[in-house]
Amino acid sequence: MIVENIPISRLKREMNQVFRTLARNSVDAYIVTRKEKPVTYLVSIKHFESLLAELPNLADQLERLDIDDSI
C-alpha cells in the first residue's frame, strides 16, 4: 500500500493533480496534515472498495475471537 503525507495547503494548490494520482492508483491514500498533524485521509476508490470487501472477513475473525475468549 502506498500512502503519502500531504499538507492541506499543498492539497489546496494541487487538488486536481492529487485526484488524478488517486484515480490512476499511483497512490492508495494521502494523509492530509495541518501543522504536521494528521487530520484526514483521502483514499482511492480501488483501495476503499478493497477495504469494504475485507469488512466481512474481519467481522468473522472478531466473532471467532469472542467465541474463543468465552471458552
C-alpha atoms as a PDB file:
ATOM      1  CA  MET A   1       0.000   0.000   0.000  1.00  0.00           C
ATOM      2  CA  ILE A   2       1.357   3.380  -0.984  1.00  0.00           C
ATOM      3  CA  VAL A   3       0.496   6.228   1.394  1.00  0.00           C
ATOM      4  CA  GLU A   4       1.811   9.768   1.195  1.00  0.00           C
ATOM      5  CA  ASN A   5       1.530  12.711   3.544  1.00  0.00           C
ATOM      6  CA  ILE A   6       0.325  15.979   2.085  1.00  0.00           C
ATOM      7  CA  PRO A   7      -0.085  19.295   3.897  1.00  0.00           C
ATOM      8  CA  ILE A   8      -3.541  20.787   3.470  1.00  0.00           C
ATOM      9  CA  SER A   9      -2.014  23.930   1.934  1.00  0.00           C
ATOM     10  CA  ARG A  10      -0.405  21.843  -0.820  1.00  0.00           C
ATOM     11  CA  LEU A  11      -3.615  19.869  -1.295  1.00  0.00           C
ATOM     12  CA  LYS A  12      -5.489  23.119  -1.931  1.00  0.00           C
ATOM     13  CA  ARG A  13      -2.957  24.156  -4.579  1.00  0.00           C
ATOM     14  CA  GLU A  14      -2.633  20.739  -6.234  1.00  0.00           C
ATOM     15  CA  MET A  15      -6.077  19.213  -5.725  1.00  0.00           C
ATOM     16  CA  ASN A  16      -6.593  18.256  -9.380  1.00  0.00           C
ATOM     17  CA  GLN A  17      -3.225  16.509  -9.518  1.00  0.00           C
ATOM     18  CA  VAL A  18      -3.863  14.684  -6.227  1.00  0.00           C
ATOM     19  CA  PHE A  19      -7.217  13.391  -7.501  1.00  0.00           C
ATOM     20  CA  ARG A  20      -5.649  12.294 -10.782  1.00  0.00           C
ATOM     21  CA  THR A  21      -2.938  10.444  -8.850  1.00  0.00           C
ATOM     22  CA  LEU A  22      -5.575   8.647  -6.780  1.00  0.00           C
ATOM     23  CA  ALA A  23      -7.623   7.835  -9.896  1.00  0.00           C
ATOM     24  CA  ARG A  24      -4.551   6.304 -11.591  1.00  0.00           C
ATOM     25  CA  ASN A  25      -3.936   4.230  -8.446  1.00  0.00           C
ATOM     26  CA  SER A  26      -0.394   5.612  -8.246  1.00  0.00           C
ATOM     27  CA  VAL A  27      -1.087   6.232  -4.553  1.00  0.00           C
ATOM     28  CA  ASP A  28      -3.592   4.332  -2.400  1.00  0.00           C
ATOM     29  CA  ALA A  29      -4.111   7.113   0.122  1.00  0.00           C
ATOM     30  CA  TYR A  30      -2.964  10.515   1.259  1.00  0.00           C
ATOM     31  CA  ILE A  31      -2.750  11.532   4.876  1.00  0.00           C
ATOM     32  CA  VAL A  32      -3.772  15.174   4.888  1.00  0.00           C
ATOM     33  CA  THR A  33      -1.933  17.126   7.568  1.00  0.00           C
ATOM     34  CA  ARG A  34      -2.363  20.503   9.207  1.00  0.00           C
ATOM     35  CA  LYS A  35       0.591  21.830  11.181  1.00  0.00           C
ATOM     36  CA  GLU A  36       2.256  18.423  10.628  1.00  0.00           C
ATOM     37  CA  LYS A  37      -0.593  16.586  12.397  1.00  0.00           C
ATOM     38  CA  PRO A  38      -2.894  14.194  10.502  1.00  0.00           C
ATOM     39  CA  VAL A  39      -6.445  15.471  10.066  1.00  0.00           C
ATOM     40  CA  THR A  40      -7.980  13.169   7.444  1.00  0.00           C
ATOM     41  CA  TYR A  41      -7.345  10.586   4.746  1.00  0.00           C
ATOM     42  CA  LEU A  42      -8.015  10.764   1.040  1.00  0.00           C
ATOM     43  CA  VAL A  43      -8.339   7.233  -0.288  1.00  0.00           C
ATOM     44  CA  SER A  44      -8.559   5.924  -3.843  1.00  0.00           C
ATOM     45  CA  ILE A  45     -11.809   4.247  -4.855  1.00  0.00           C
ATOM     46  CA  LYS A  46      -9.966   0.984  -5.542  1.00  0.00           C
ATOM     47  CA  HIS A  47      -8.410   0.941  -2.078  1.00  0.00           C
ATOM     48  CA  PHE A  48     -11.665   1.974  -0.377  1.00  0.00           C
ATOM     49  CA  GLU A  49     -13.564  -0.806  -2.151  1.00  0.00           C
ATOM     50  CA  SER A  50     -10.928  -3.355  -1.128  1.00  0.00           C
ATOM     51  CA  LEU A  51     -11.303  -2.219   2.491  1.00  0.00           C
ATOM     52  CA  LEU A  52     -15.090  -2.587   2.272  1.00  0.00           C
ATOM     53  CA  ALA A  53     -14.700  -6.059   0.790  1.00  0.00           C
ATOM     54  CA  GLU A  54     -12.463  -7.016   3.720  1.00  0.00           C
ATOM     55  CA  LEU A  55     -15.002  -5.972   6.414  1.00  0.00           C
ATOM     56  CA  PRO A  56     -16.991  -9.244   6.442  1.00  0.00           C
ATOM     57  CA  ASN A  57     -13.754 -11.223   6.896  1.00  0.00           C
ATOM     58  CA  LEU A  58     -12.727  -9.003   9.784  1.00  0.00           C
ATOM     59  CA  ALA A  59     -16.162  -9.317  11.383  1.00  0.00           C
ATOM     60  CA  ASP A  60     -15.910 -13.108  11.139  1.00  0.00           C
ATOM     61  CA  GLN A  61     -12.466 -13.054  12.726  1.00  0.00           C
ATOM     62  CA  LEU A  62     -13.714 -10.862  15.582  1.00  0.00           C
ATOM     63  CA  GLU A  63     -16.671 -13.149  16.123  1.00  0.00           C
ATOM     64  CA  ARG A  64     -14.356 -16.167  16.319  1.00  0.00           C
ATOM     65  CA  LEU A  65     -12.179 -14.336  18.830  1.00  0.00           C
ATOM     66  CA  ASP A  66     -15.218 -13.605  21.005  1.00  0.00           C
ATOM     67  CA  ILE A  67     -16.199 -17.280  20.888  1.00  0.00           C
ATOM     68  CA  ASP A  68     -12.646 -18.391  21.698  1.00  0.00           C
ATOM     69  CA  ASP A  69     -12.429 -15.960  24.630  1.00  0.00           C
ATOM     70  CA  SER A  70     -15.614 -17.302  26.188  1.00  0.00           C
ATOM     71  CA  ILE A  71     -14.318 -20.898  26.277  1.00  0.00           C
END
